Amino acid sequence: MKRPNPAQWLWYAVGGRLPANLAPWVLHDVTAKTWALRHAARGCVVLAPIAAGCLLVPGPLGLKLAMILLVAIVGVYFSLSYVDESCELRAAKHGYAHGIARATRESRNADRDAEERARYAANFRTPNP
């Protein structure tokens, strides 16, 4: 599978569209086991210039560091709040049907999820006497 070069990845991280030959990599990116961590890393790329701008604000270093921490906490929180939707949009932007990323992740975990549901039913869904 062909991967994007660093410049292409930065463009992709800020929401840009990659060439069509990288579409399989995009689907892998939004469905890999580490898909949420990958999304958080892309979010940090967007937040980095904002955090760097906090260093230019006049004031004590402690205040600047607190501002950077606040940018990181709020930015990552909101980024991860919409992780599913954002990944679906990225896949759709590269030519895949909406919902394919979630379906791919769910199919990969189908056996484990069925096993967990069966274990839950056995432990907590006993018939009433």
Protein backbone atom coordinates (compact mmCIF):
# COMPACT_ATOMS: atom_id res chain seq x y z
CA MET A 1 0.00 0.00 0.00
CA LYS A 2 1.39 3.36 -1.01
CA ARG A 3 1.74 5.94 1.77
CA PRO A 4 1.67 9.73 1.41
CA ASN A 5 4.90 11.67 1.64
CA PRO A 6 5.31 14.09 4.59
CA ALA A 7 4.00 17.11 2.66
CA GLN A 8 0.95 15.15 1.50
CA TRP A 9 0.34 13.89 5.04
CA LEU A 10 0.42 17.44 6.43
CA TRP A 11 -2.08 18.51 3.77
CA TYR A 12 -4.25 15.50 4.66
CA ALA A 13 -3.96 16.28 8.38
CA VAL A 14 -5.41 19.75 7.92
CA GLY A 15 -8.31 18.40 5.86
CA GLY A 16 -6.93 18.32 2.34
CA ARG A 17 -7.68 15.66 -0.24
CA LEU A 18 -4.97 13.24 -1.33
CA PRO A 19 -4.51 11.91 -4.89
CA ALA A 20 -6.78 9.03 -5.91
CA ASN A 21 -3.95 6.47 -5.76
CA LEU A 22 -3.72 7.07 -1.98
CA ALA A 23 -7.42 6.36 -1.33
CA PRO A 24 -6.71 2.80 -0.03
CA TRP A 25 -4.27 4.27 2.49
CA VAL A 26 -6.93 6.77 3.63
CA LEU A 27 -9.37 3.92 4.26
CA HIS A 28 -6.67 2.08 6.19
CA ASP A 29 -5.92 5.27 8.16
CA VAL A 30 -9.52 5.66 9.34
CA THR A 31 -10.09 1.94 10.04
CA ALA A 32 -6.79 0.72 11.55
CA LYS A 33 -6.69 -0.46 15.15
CA THR A 34 -5.11 2.87 16.07
CA TRP A 35 -7.62 4.99 14.11
CA ALA A 36 -8.57 7.18 17.08
CA LEU A 37 -4.91 7.85 17.96
CA ARG A 38 -4.23 8.71 14.33
CA HIS A 39 -7.12 11.16 14.44
CA ALA A 40 -5.72 12.73 17.61
CA ALA A 41 -2.32 13.12 15.92
CA ARG A 42 -3.95 14.89 12.97
CA GLY A 43 -5.73 17.17 15.42
CA CYS A 44 -2.44 18.04 17.11
CA VAL A 45 -1.04 19.15 13.75
CA VAL A 46 -3.87 21.65 13.45
CA LEU A 47 -3.45 22.82 17.05
CA ALA A 48 0.34 23.27 16.90
CA PRO A 49 0.34 26.70 15.20
CA ILE A 50 -2.30 27.96 17.63
CA ALA A 51 -0.24 26.74 20.57
CA ALA A 52 2.87 28.32 19.09
CA GLY A 53 0.98 31.59 18.75
CA CYS A 54 0.33 31.52 22.48
CA LEU A 55 4.07 31.98 22.99
CA LEU A 56 3.86 35.36 21.25
CA VAL A 57 1.33 36.75 23.72
CA PRO A 58 2.97 39.21 26.11
CA GLY A 59 3.03 38.07 29.69
CA PRO A 60 4.74 35.68 32.07
CA LEU A 61 5.89 32.26 30.88
CA GLY A 62 3.49 30.51 33.28
CA LEU A 63 0.53 32.21 31.62
CA LYS A 64 1.77 31.25 28.16
CA LEU A 65 2.20 27.61 29.19
CA ALA A 66 -1.27 27.59 30.75
CA MET A 67 -2.71 28.93 27.49
CA ILE A 68 -0.94 26.20 25.52
CA LEU A 69 -2.28 23.57 27.91
CA LEU A 70 -5.80 24.95 27.55
CA VAL A 71 -5.52 24.92 23.74
CA ALA A 72 -4.36 21.29 23.88
CA ILE A 73 -7.08 20.12 26.27
CA VAL A 74 -9.96 21.89 24.53
CA GLY A 75 -8.70 21.11 21.04
CA VAL A 76 -8.18 17.40 21.63
CA TYR A 77 -11.49 17.15 23.49
CA PHE A 78 -13.48 18.64 20.61
CA SER A 79 -11.49 16.74 18.02
CA LEU A 80 -12.20 13.41 19.71
CA SER A 81 -15.85 14.37 20.25
CA TYR A 82 -16.38 14.09 16.50
CA VAL A 83 -13.88 11.36 15.68
CA ASP A 84 -16.42 9.04 14.00
CA GLU A 85 -17.95 11.76 11.85
CA SER A 86 -14.57 13.18 10.88
CA CYS A 87 -13.24 9.78 9.81
CA GLU A 88 -16.37 9.07 7.79
CA LEU A 89 -15.99 12.43 6.06
CA ARG A 90 -12.35 11.72 5.22
CA ALA A 91 -13.26 8.36 3.70
CA ALA A 92 -16.17 9.88 1.74
CA LYS A 93 -13.94 12.70 0.52
CA HIS A 94 -11.66 10.06 -1.03
CA GLY A 95 -14.41 8.26 -2.92
CA TYR A 96 -15.78 5.75 -0.41
CA ALA A 97 -19.44 5.41 0.50
CA HIS A 98 -20.51 7.16 3.70
CA GLY A 99 -20.48 4.63 6.55
CA ILE A 100 -17.74 2.40 5.12
CA ALA A 101 -15.20 3.27 7.83
CA ARG A 102 -17.53 2.39 10.70
CA ALA A 103 -18.70 -0.78 8.92
CA THR A 104 -15.10 -1.86 8.31
CA ARG A 105 -14.14 -1.31 11.95
CA GLU A 106 -17.25 -3.14 13.17
CA SER A 107 -16.69 -6.12 10.86
CA ARG A 108 -13.11 -6.45 12.12
CA ASN A 109 -14.41 -6.67 15.71
CA ALA A 110 -17.59 -8.68 15.00
CA ASP A 111 -16.38 -11.94 16.56
CA ARG A 112 -15.10 -10.25 19.70
CA ASP A 113 -18.28 -8.18 20.07
CA ALA A 114 -20.50 -11.25 19.67
CA GLU A 115 -18.47 -13.04 22.32
CA GLU A 116 -18.79 -10.10 24.71
CA ARG A 117 -22.57 -9.90 24.13
CA ALA A 118 -22.93 -13.62 24.81
CA ARG A 119 -20.88 -13.32 28.02
CA TYR A 120 -22.96 -10.33 29.13
CA ALA A 121 -26.22 -12.17 28.40
CA ALA A 122 -25.03 -15.20 30.35
CA ASN A 123 -24.07 -13.12 33.38
CA PHE A 124 -26.80 -10.48 33.53
CA ARG A 125 -29.77 -11.63 31.47
CA THR A 126 -30.87 -14.69 33.41
CA PRO A 127 -34.50 -15.68 33.01
CA ASN A 128 -36.86 -14.68 35.80
CA PRO A 129 -38.24 -17.57 37.88
